[in-house]
Amino acid sequence: METKQVEWFSEIMKSTETKSKAEIPDHLKLRLDAIPNEYGVYSFVFPIRTVYMAVASFTLLITINMLAIRNNNQQNKKETYLDSEYFSYLNQL
């Protein structure tokens, strides 16, 4: 039983030795070589000044939003105080 397996394995291994690699046609090699020239890799670097300006803009935007929210909350508190003061006579009922 083992001899048949060994023979089969050796036949398979011998068949791979006789195989040759397929040759690539010249026109295909030329096309493959031309690809890096046709489609170059481009990199874009932002100037550091632009980055600083963007960070400053976002910081200013967040600060203005926080001040607007705080101002709005203070106005709401004043309005509720005025409303409760105006209707304070209802507390006696």
PDB file of N, CA and C in Angstrom:
ATOM      1  N   MET A   1       0.819  -1.186   0.000  1.00  0.00           N
ATOM      2  CA  MET A   1       0.000   0.000   0.000  1.00  0.00           C
ATOM      3  C   MET A   1       0.869   1.259   0.000  1.00  0.00           C
ATOM      4  N   GLU A   2       1.889   1.254   0.810  1.00  0.00           N
ATOM      5  CA  GLU A   2       2.762   2.420   0.884  1.00  0.00           C
ATOM      6  C   GLU A   2       3.548   2.604  -0.411  1.00  0.00           C
ATOM      7  N   THR A   3       3.867   1.543  -1.074  1.00  0.00           N
ATOM      8  CA  THR A   3       4.633   1.662  -2.304  1.00  0.00           C
ATOM      9  C   THR A   3       3.828   2.362  -3.390  1.00  0.00           C
ATOM     10  N   LYS A   4       2.529   2.094  -3.441  1.00  0.00           N
ATOM     11  CA  LYS A   4       1.698   2.793  -4.430  1.00  0.00           C
ATOM     12  C   LYS A   4       1.634   4.279  -4.135  1.00  0.00           C
ATOM     13  N   GLN A   5       1.538   4.627  -2.871  1.00  0.00           N
ATOM     14  CA  GLN A   5       1.504   6.045  -2.488  1.00  0.00           C
ATOM     15  C   GLN A   5       2.830   6.719  -2.804  1.00  0.00           C
ATOM     16  N   VAL A   6       3.910   6.050  -2.534  1.00  0.00           N
ATOM     17  CA  VAL A   6       5.233   6.607  -2.805  1.00  0.00           C
ATOM     18  C   VAL A   6       5.428   6.779  -4.298  1.00  0.00           C
ATOM     19  N   GLU A   7       5.012   5.780  -5.088  1.00  0.00           N
ATOM     20  CA  GLU A   7       5.130   5.882  -6.545  1.00  0.00           C
ATOM     21  C   GLU A   7       4.275   7.027  -7.082  1.00  0.00           C
ATOM     22  N   TRP A   8       3.060   7.135  -6.575  1.00  0.00           N
ATOM     23  CA  TRP A   8       2.159   8.211  -7.021  1.00  0.00           C
ATOM     24  C   TRP A   8       2.753   9.570  -6.686  1.00  0.00           C
ATOM     25  N   PHE A   9       3.291   9.705  -5.483  1.00  0.00           N
ATOM     26  CA  PHE A   9       3.900  10.965  -5.072  1.00  0.00           C
ATOM     27  C   PHE A   9       5.115  11.295  -5.922  1.00  0.00           C
ATOM     28  N   SER A  10       5.943  10.318  -6.207  1.00  0.00           N
ATOM     29  CA  SER A  10       7.136  10.559  -7.020  1.00  0.00           C
ATOM     30  C   SER A  10       6.755  10.925  -8.458  1.00  0.00           C
ATOM     31  N   GLU A  11       5.690  10.335  -9.004  1.00  0.00           N
ATOM     32  CA  GLU A  11       5.222  10.703 -10.351  1.00  0.00           C
ATOM     33  C   GLU A  11       4.753  12.156 -10.382  1.00  0.00           C
ATOM     34  N   ILE A  12       4.018  12.550  -9.338  1.00  0.00           N
ATOM     35  CA  ILE A  12       3.543  13.939  -9.272  1.00  0.00           C
ATOM     36  C   ILE A  12       4.723  14.894  -9.203  1.00  0.00           C
ATOM     37  N   MET A  13       5.700  14.594  -8.402  1.00  0.00           N
ATOM     38  CA  MET A  13       6.868  15.465  -8.272  1.00  0.00           C
ATOM     39  C   MET A  13       7.673  15.528  -9.571  1.00  0.00           C
ATOM     40  N   LYS A  14       7.772  14.448 -10.296  1.00  0.00           N
ATOM     41  CA  LYS A  14       8.487  14.448 -11.575  1.00  0.00           C
ATOM     42  C   LYS A  14       7.748  15.286 -12.607  1.00  0.00           C
ATOM     43  N   SER A  15       6.419  15.262 -12.556  1.00  0.00           N
ATOM     44  CA  SER A  15       5.661  16.026 -13.544  1.00  0.00           C
ATOM     45  C   SER A  15       5.848  17.533 -13.347  1.00  0.00           C
ATOM     46  N   THR A  16       6.091  17.971 -12.126  1.00  0.00           N
ATOM     47  CA  THR A  16       6.308  19.405 -11.912  1.00  0.00           C
ATOM     48  C   THR A  16       7.676  19.848 -12.392  1.00  0.00           C
ATOM     49  N   GLU A  17       8.628  18.950 -12.463  1.00  0.00           N
ATOM     50  CA  GLU A  17       9.975  19.305 -12.919  1.00  0.00           C
ATOM     51  C   GLU A  17       9.995  19.587 -14.413  1.00  0.00           C
ATOM     52  N   THR A  18       9.123  18.970 -15.159  1.00  0.00           N
ATOM     53  CA  THR A  18       9.132  19.152 -16.607  1.00  0.00           C
ATOM     54  C   THR A  18       8.363  20.397 -17.045  1.00  0.00           C
ATOM     55  N   LYS A  19       7.613  21.004 -16.155  1.00  0.00           N
ATOM     56  CA  LYS A  19       6.834  22.193 -16.520  1.00  0.00           C
ATOM     57  C   LYS A  19       7.773  23.380 -16.681  1.00  0.00           C
ATOM     58  N   SER A  20       7.498  24.198 -17.677  1.00  0.00           N
ATOM     59  CA  SER A  20       8.297  25.413 -17.871  1.00  0.00           C
ATOM     60  C   SER A  20       7.413  26.633 -17.634  1.00  0.00           C
ATOM     61  N   LYS A  21       8.031  27.719 -17.249  1.00  0.00           N
ATOM     62  CA  LYS A  21       7.290  28.949 -16.995  1.00  0.00           C
ATOM     63  C   LYS A  21       6.822  29.546 -18.313  1.00  0.00           C
ATOM     64  N   ALA A  22       5.651  30.134 -18.278  1.00  0.00           N
ATOM     65  CA  ALA A  22       5.111  30.783 -19.478  1.00  0.00           C
ATOM     66  C   ALA A  22       5.834  32.110 -19.689  1.00  0.00           C
ATOM     67  N   GLU A  23       6.161  32.378 -20.914  1.00  0.00           N
ATOM     68  CA  GLU A  23       6.847  33.623 -21.259  1.00  0.00           C
ATOM     69  C   GLU A  23       5.836  34.758 -21.406  1.00  0.00           C
ATOM     70  N   ILE A  24       6.200  35.931 -20.943  1.00  0.00           N
ATOM     71  CA  ILE A  24       5.337  37.106 -21.075  1.00  0.00           C
ATOM     72  C   ILE A  24       5.653  37.769 -22.411  1.00  0.00           C
ATOM     73  N   PRO A  25       4.617  38.081 -23.209  1.00  0.00           N
ATOM     74  CA  PRO A  25       4.873  38.745 -24.484  1.00  0.00           C
ATOM     75  C   PRO A  25       5.505  40.127 -24.272  1.00  0.00           C
ATOM     76  N   ASP A  26       6.276  40.554 -25.285  1.00  0.00           N
ATOM     77  CA  ASP A  26       6.991  41.826 -25.168  1.00  0.00           C
ATOM     78  C   ASP A  26       6.038  43.011 -25.056  1.00  0.00           C
ATOM     79  N   HIS A  27       4.921  42.993 -25.801  1.00  0.00           N
ATOM     80  CA  HIS A  27       4.010  44.141 -25.740  1.00  0.00           C
ATOM     81  C   HIS A  27       3.362  44.257 -24.353  1.00  0.00           C
ATOM     82  N   LEU A  28       3.167  43.127 -23.679  1.00  0.00           N
ATOM     83  CA  LEU A  28       2.620  43.165 -22.327  1.00  0.00           C
ATOM     84  C   LEU A  28       3.655  43.701 -21.341  1.00  0.00           C
ATOM     85  N   LYS A  29       4.906  43.318 -21.511  1.00  0.00           N
ATOM     86  CA  LYS A  29       5.974  43.856 -20.655  1.00  0.00           C
ATOM     87  C   LYS A  29       6.068  45.369 -20.803  1.00  0.00           C
ATOM     88  N   LEU A  30       5.974  45.846 -22.049  1.00  0.00           N
ATOM     89  CA  LEU A  30       6.050  47.291 -22.280  1.00  0.00           C
ATOM     90  C   LEU A  30       4.879  48.023 -21.621  1.00  0.00           C
ATOM     91  N   ARG A  31       3.684  47.439 -21.729  1.00  0.00           N
ATOM     92  CA  ARG A  31       2.517  48.063 -21.087  1.00  0.00           C
ATOM     93  C   ARG A  31       2.669  48.109 -19.571  1.00  0.00           C
ATOM     94  N   LEU A  32       3.161  47.023 -18.995  1.00  0.00           N
ATOM     95  CA  LEU A  32       3.347  46.983 -17.545  1.00  0.00           C
ATOM     96  C   LEU A  32       4.421  47.957 -17.077  1.00  0.00           C
ATOM     97  N   ASP A  33       5.470  48.092 -17.880  1.00  0.00           N
ATOM     98  CA  ASP A  33       6.532  49.038 -17.531  1.00  0.00           C
ATOM     99  C   ASP A  33       6.073  50.483 -17.656  1.00  0.00           C
ATOM    100  N   ALA A  34       5.088  50.753 -18.523  1.00  0.00           N
ATOM    101  CA  ALA A  34       4.619  52.128 -18.747  1.00  0.00           C
ATOM    102  C   ALA A  34       3.627  52.591 -17.688  1.00  0.00           C
ATOM    103  N   ILE A  35       3.077  51.690 -16.905  1.00  0.00           N
ATOM    104  CA  ILE A  35       2.056  52.072 -15.925  1.00  0.00           C
ATOM    105  C   ILE A  35       2.565  53.095 -14.906  1.00  0.00           C
ATOM    106  N   PRO A  36       3.726  52.921 -14.284  1.00  0.00           N
ATOM    107  CA  PRO A  36       4.160  53.945 -13.316  1.00  0.00           C
ATOM    108  C   PRO A  36       4.350  55.323 -13.938  1.00  0.00           C
ATOM    109  N   ASN A  37       4.697  55.375 -15.206  1.00  0.00           N
ATOM    110  CA  ASN A  37       4.874  56.666 -15.866  1.00  0.00           C
ATOM    111  C   ASN A  37       3.541  57.334 -16.180  1.00  0.00           C
ATOM    112  N   GLU A  38       2.517  56.542 -16.493  1.00  0.00           N
ATOM    113  CA  GLU A  38       1.215  57.097 -16.828  1.00  0.00           C
ATOM    114  C   GLU A  38       0.459  57.557 -15.587  1.00  0.00           C
ATOM    115  N   TYR A  39       0.560  56.800 -14.530  1.00  0.00           N
ATOM    116  CA  TYR A  39      -0.172  57.095 -13.304  1.00  0.00           C
ATOM    117  C   TYR A  39       0.829  57.320 -12.180  1.00  0.00           C
ATOM    118  N   GLY A  40       1.283  58.536 -12.063  1.00  0.00           N
ATOM    119  CA  GLY A  40       2.248  58.854 -11.025  1.00  0.00           C
ATOM    120  C   GLY A  40       1.579  59.000  -9.672  1.00  0.00           C
ATOM    121  N   VAL A  41       2.343  58.821  -8.640  1.00  0.00           N
ATOM    122  CA  VAL A  41       1.846  58.978  -7.279  1.00  0.00           C
ATOM    123  C   VAL A  41       2.124  60.416  -6.861  1.00  0.00           C
ATOM    124  N   TYR A  42       1.054  61.107  -6.482  1.00  0.00           N
ATOM    125  CA  TYR A  42       1.191  62.497  -6.089  1.00  0.00           C
ATOM    126  C   TYR A  42       0.913  62.622  -4.600  1.00  0.00           C
ATOM    127  N   SER A  43       1.666  63.439  -3.956  1.00  0.00           N
ATOM    128  CA  SER A  43       1.414  63.705  -2.544  1.00  0.00           C
ATOM    129  C   SER A  43       1.292  65.217  -2.373  1.00  0.00           C
ATOM    130  N   PHE A  44       0.346  65.604  -1.530  1.00  0.00           N
ATOM    131  CA  PHE A  44       0.117  67.022  -1.286  1.00  0.00           C
ATOM    132  C   PHE A  44       0.298  67.263   0.202  1.00  0.00           C
ATOM    133  N   VAL A  45       1.127  68.215   0.524  1.00  0.00           N
ATOM    134  CA  VAL A  45       1.402  68.538   1.914  1.00  0.00           C
ATOM    135  C   VAL A  45       0.824  69.921   2.189  1.00  0.00           C
ATOM    136  N   PHE A  46      -0.001  70.005   3.246  1.00  0.00           N
ATOM    137  CA  PHE A  46      -0.555  71.296   3.635  1.00  0.00           C
ATOM    138  C   PHE A  46       0.532  72.125   4.303  1.00  0.00           C
ATOM    139  N   PRO A  47       0.606  73.393   3.958  1.00  0.00           N
ATOM    140  CA  PRO A  47       1.562  74.256   4.659  1.00  0.00           C
ATOM    141  C   PRO A  47       1.179  74.376   6.141  1.00  0.00           C
ATOM    142  N   ILE A  48       2.162  74.516   6.995  1.00  0.00           N
ATOM    143  CA  ILE A  48       1.916  74.563   8.429  1.00  0.00           C
ATOM    144  C   ILE A  48       1.069  75.784   8.795  1.00  0.00           C
ATOM    145  N   ARG A  49       1.201  76.851   8.033  1.00  0.00           N
ATOM    146  CA  ARG A  49       0.400  78.047   8.298  1.00  0.00           C
ATOM    147  C   ARG A  49      -1.089  77.753   8.094  1.00  0.00           C
ATOM    148  N   THR A  50      -1.410  76.972   7.083  1.00  0.00           N
ATOM    149  CA  THR A  50      -2.797  76.597   6.830  1.00  0.00           C
ATOM    150  C   THR A  50      -3.345  75.745   7.971  1.00  0.00           C
ATOM    151  N   VAL A  51      -2.524  74.860   8.488  1.00  0.00           N
ATOM    152  CA  VAL A  51      -2.950  74.024   9.611  1.00  0.00           C
ATOM    153  C   VAL A  51      -3.214  74.885  10.835  1.00  0.00           C
ATOM    154  N   TYR A  52      -2.324  75.818  11.121  1.00  0.00           N
ATOM    155  CA  TYR A  52      -2.521  76.714  12.263  1.00  0.00           C
ATOM    156  C   TYR A  52      -3.781  77.551  12.101  1.00  0.00           C
ATOM    157  N   MET A  53      -4.035  78.021  10.886  1.00  0.00           N
ATOM    158  CA  MET A  53      -5.239  78.823  10.646  1.00  0.00           C
ATOM    159  C   MET A  53      -6.499  77.987  10.871  1.00  0.00           C
ATOM    160  N   ALA A  54      -6.495  76.749  10.449  1.00  0.00           N
ATOM    161  CA  ALA A  54      -7.652  75.881  10.640  1.00  0.00           C
ATOM    162  C   ALA A  54      -7.883  75.611  12.125  1.00  0.00           C
ATOM    163  N   VAL A  55      -6.829  75.351  12.875  1.00  0.00           N
ATOM    164  CA  VAL A  55      -6.959  75.108  14.314  1.00  0.00           C
ATOM    165  C   VAL A  55      -7.479  76.351  15.014  1.00  0.00           C
ATOM    166  N   ALA A  56      -6.962  77.509  14.643  1.00  0.00           N
ATOM    167  CA  ALA A  56      -7.422  78.760  15.252  1.00  0.00           C
ATOM    168  C   ALA A  56      -8.885  79.014  14.916  1.00  0.00           C
ATOM    169  N   SER A  57      -9.299  78.717  13.704  1.00  0.00           N
ATOM    170  CA  SER A  57     -10.690  78.922  13.306  1.00  0.00           C
ATOM    171  C   SER A  57     -11.633  78.019  14.096  1.00  0.00           C
ATOM    172  N   PHE A  58     -11.263  76.761  14.246  1.00  0.00           N
ATOM    173  CA  PHE A  58     -12.103  75.844  15.020  1.00  0.00           C
ATOM    174  C   PHE A  58     -12.178  76.253  16.487  1.00  0.00           C
ATOM    175  N   THR A  59     -11.060  76.720  17.032  1.00  0.00           N
ATOM    176  CA  THR A  59     -11.042  77.173  18.425  1.00  0.00           C
ATOM    177  C   THR A  59     -11.946  78.384  18.599  1.00  0.00           C
ATOM    178  N   LEU A  60     -11.878  79.319  17.673  1.00  0.00           N
ATOM    179  CA  LEU A  60     -12.729  80.504  17.736  1.00  0.00           C
ATOM    180  C   LEU A  60     -14.203  80.131  17.594  1.00  0.00           C
ATOM    181  N   LEU A  61     -14.508  79.236  16.708  1.00  0.00           N
ATOM    182  CA  LEU A  61     -15.886  78.795  16.509  1.00  0.00           C
ATOM    183  C   LEU A  61     -16.446  78.131  17.770  1.00  0.00           C
ATOM    184  N   ILE A  62     -15.670  77.268  18.393  1.00  0.00           N
ATOM    185  CA  ILE A  62     -16.120  76.604  19.611  1.00  0.00           C
ATOM    186  C   ILE A  62     -16.310  77.615  20.733  1.00  0.00           C
ATOM    187  N   THR A  63     -15.404  78.587  20.851  1.00  0.00           N
ATOM    188  CA  THR A  63     -15.517  79.600  21.898  1.00  0.00           C
ATOM    189  C   THR A  63     -16.768  80.446  21.707  1.00  0.00           C
ATOM    190  N   ILE A  64     -17.040  80.862  20.489  1.00  0.00           N
ATOM    191  CA  ILE A  64     -18.232  81.676  20.222  1.00  0.00           C
ATOM    192  C   ILE A  64     -19.494  80.882  20.522  1.00  0.00           C
ATOM    193  N   ASN A  65     -19.517  79.600  20.157  1.00  0.00           N
ATOM    194  CA  ASN A  65     -20.684  78.768  20.451  1.00  0.00           C
ATOM    195  C   ASN A  65     -20.898  78.604  21.953  1.00  0.00           C
ATOM    196  N   MET A  66     -19.830  78.415  22.703  1.00  0.00           N
ATOM    197  CA  MET A  66     -19.962  78.272  24.150  1.00  0.00           C
ATOM    198  C   MET A  66     -20.483  79.558  24.786  1.00  0.00           C
ATOM    199  N   LEU A  67     -19.985  80.705  24.325  1.00  0.00           N
ATOM    200  CA  LEU A  67     -20.471  81.986  24.854  1.00  0.00           C
ATOM    201  C   LEU A  67     -21.943  82.202  24.501  1.00  0.00           C
ATOM    202  N   ALA A  68     -22.345  81.815  23.312  1.00  0.00           N
ATOM    203  CA  ALA A  68     -23.743  81.970  22.907  1.00  0.00           C
ATOM    204  C   ALA A  68     -24.648  81.086  23.745  1.00  0.00           C
ATOM    205  N   ILE A  69     -24.217  79.869  24.030  1.00  0.00           N
ATOM    206  CA  ILE A  69     -25.024  78.966  24.854  1.00  0.00           C
ATOM    207  C   ILE A  69     -25.137  79.506  26.273  1.00  0.00           C
ATOM    208  N   ARG A  70     -24.040  79.997  26.826  1.00  0.00           N
ATOM    209  CA  ARG A  70     -24.076  80.551  28.184  1.00  0.00           C
ATOM    210  C   ARG A  70     -24.993  81.772  28.250  1.00  0.00           C
ATOM    211  N   ASN A  71     -24.905  82.648  27.247  1.00  0.00           N
ATOM    212  CA  ASN A  71     -25.746  83.846  27.214  1.00  0.00           C
ATOM    213  C   ASN A  71     -27.217  83.453  27.093  1.00  0.00           C
ATOM    214  N   ASN A  72     -27.520  82.463  26.293  1.00  0.00           N
ATOM    215  CA  ASN A  72     -28.893  82.005  26.112  1.00  0.00           C
ATOM    216  C   ASN A  72     -29.441  81.427  27.409  1.00  0.00           C
ATOM    217  N   ASN A  73     -28.635  80.669  28.128  1.00  0.00           N
ATOM    218  CA  ASN A  73     -29.073  80.094  29.403  1.00  0.00           C
ATOM    219  C   ASN A  73     -29.358  81.183  30.432  1.00  0.00           C
ATOM    220  N   GLN A  74     -28.529  82.227  30.454  1.00  0.00           N
ATOM    221  CA  GLN A  74     -28.752  83.323  31.407  1.00  0.00           C
ATOM    222  C   GLN A  74     -30.035  84.071  31.079  1.00  0.00           C
ATOM    223  N   GLN A  75     -30.317  84.259  29.788  1.00  0.00           N
ATOM    224  CA  GLN A  75     -31.547  84.951  29.411  1.00  0.00           C
ATOM    225  C   GLN A  75     -32.772  84.108  29.771  1.00  0.00           C
ATOM    226  N   ASN A  76     -32.691  82.815  29.618  1.00  0.00           N
ATOM    227  CA  ASN A  76     -33.810  81.938  29.981  1.00  0.00           C
ATOM    228  C   ASN A  76     -34.081  81.986  31.473  1.00  0.00           C
ATOM    229  N   LYS A  77     -33.027  82.047  32.289  1.00  0.00           N
ATOM    230  CA  LYS A  77     -33.207  82.137  33.733  1.00  0.00           C
ATOM    231  C   LYS A  77     -33.897  83.444  34.111  1.00  0.00           C
ATOM    232  N   LYS A  78     -33.524  84.552  33.458  1.00  0.00           N
ATOM    233  CA  LYS A  78     -34.152  85.845  33.747  1.00  0.00           C
ATOM    234  C   LYS A  78     -35.623  85.814  33.366  1.00  0.00           C
ATOM    235  N   GLU A  79     -35.940  85.204  32.226  1.00  0.00           N
ATOM    236  CA  GLU A  79     -37.327  85.153  31.779  1.00  0.00           C
ATOM    237  C   GLU A  79     -38.178  84.324  32.732  1.00  0.00           C
ATOM    238  N   THR A  80     -37.653  83.218  33.188  1.00  0.00           N
ATOM    239  CA  THR A  80     -38.430  82.396  34.115  1.00  0.00           C
ATOM    240  C   THR A  80     -38.609  83.118  35.444  1.00  0.00           C
ATOM    241  N   TYR A  81     -37.618  83.895  35.863  1.00  0.00           N
ATOM    242  CA  TYR A  81     -37.751  84.663  37.095  1.00  0.00           C
ATOM    243  C   TYR A  81     -38.830  85.725  36.940  1.00  0.00           C
ATOM    244  N   LEU A  82     -38.847  86.422  35.785  1.00  0.00           N
ATOM    245  CA  LEU A  82     -39.861  87.450  35.555  1.00  0.00           C
ATOM    246  C   LEU A  82     -41.258  86.832  35.479  1.00  0.00           C
ATOM    247  N   ASP A  83     -41.366  85.688  34.848  1.00  0.00           N
ATOM    248  CA  ASP A  83     -42.666  85.018  34.759  1.00  0.00           C
ATOM    249  C   ASP A  83     -43.173  84.604  36.134  1.00  0.00           C
ATOM    250  N   SER A  84     -42.300  84.056  36.951  1.00  0.00           N
ATOM    251  CA  SER A  84     -42.724  83.616  38.278  1.00  0.00           C
ATOM    252  C   SER A  84     -43.058  84.813  39.167  1.00  0.00           C
ATOM    253  N   GLU A  85     -42.354  85.911  38.962  1.00  0.00           N
ATOM    254  CA  GLU A  85     -42.652  87.116  39.746  1.00  0.00           C
ATOM    255  C   GLU A  85     -44.000  87.696  39.329  1.00  0.00           C
ATOM    256  N   TYR A  86     -44.292  87.691  38.060  1.00  0.00           N
ATOM    257  CA  TYR A  86     -45.538  88.255  37.556  1.00  0.00           C
ATOM    258  C   TYR A  86     -46.744  87.451  38.029  1.00  0.00           C
ATOM    259  N   PHE A  87     -46.588  86.141  38.070  1.00  0.00           N
ATOM    260  CA  PHE A  87     -47.702  85.290  38.474  1.00  0.00           C
ATOM    261  C   PHE A  87     -47.620  84.887  39.942  1.00  0.00           C
ATOM    262  N   SER A  88     -46.878  85.614  40.733  1.00  0.00           N
ATOM    263  CA  SER A  88     -46.701  85.262  42.143  1.00  0.00           C
ATOM    264  C   SER A  88     -47.994  85.387  42.927  1.00  0.00           C
ATOM    265  N   TYR A  89     -48.941  86.224  42.492  1.00  0.00           N
ATOM    266  CA  TYR A  89     -50.214  86.364  43.194  1.00  0.00           C
ATOM    267  C   TYR A  89     -51.001  85.076  43.159  1.00  0.00           C
ATOM    268  N   LEU A  90     -50.698  84.167  42.192  1.00  0.00           N
ATOM    269  CA  LEU A  90     -51.416  82.905  42.121  1.00  0.00           C
ATOM    270  C   LEU A  90     -51.003  81.948  43.240  1.00  0.00           C
ATOM    271  N   ASN A  91     -49.820  82.173  43.815  1.00  0.00           N
ATOM    272  CA  ASN A  91     -49.367  81.307  44.893  1.00  0.00           C
ATOM    273  C   ASN A  91     -50.269  81.424  46.122  1.00  0.00           C
ATOM    274  N   GLN A  92     -50.900  82.553  46.298  1.00  0.00           N
ATOM    275  CA  GLN A  92     -51.776  82.746  47.469  1.00  0.00           C
ATOM    276  C   GLN A  92     -53.066  81.955  47.337  1.00  0.00           C
ATOM    277  N   LEU A  93     -53.481  81.667  46.129  1.00  0.00           N
ATOM    278  CA  LEU A  93     -54.725  80.945  45.918  1.00  0.00           C
ATOM    279  C   LEU A  93     -54.529  79.532  46.203  1.00  0.00           C
TER     280      LEU A  93
END
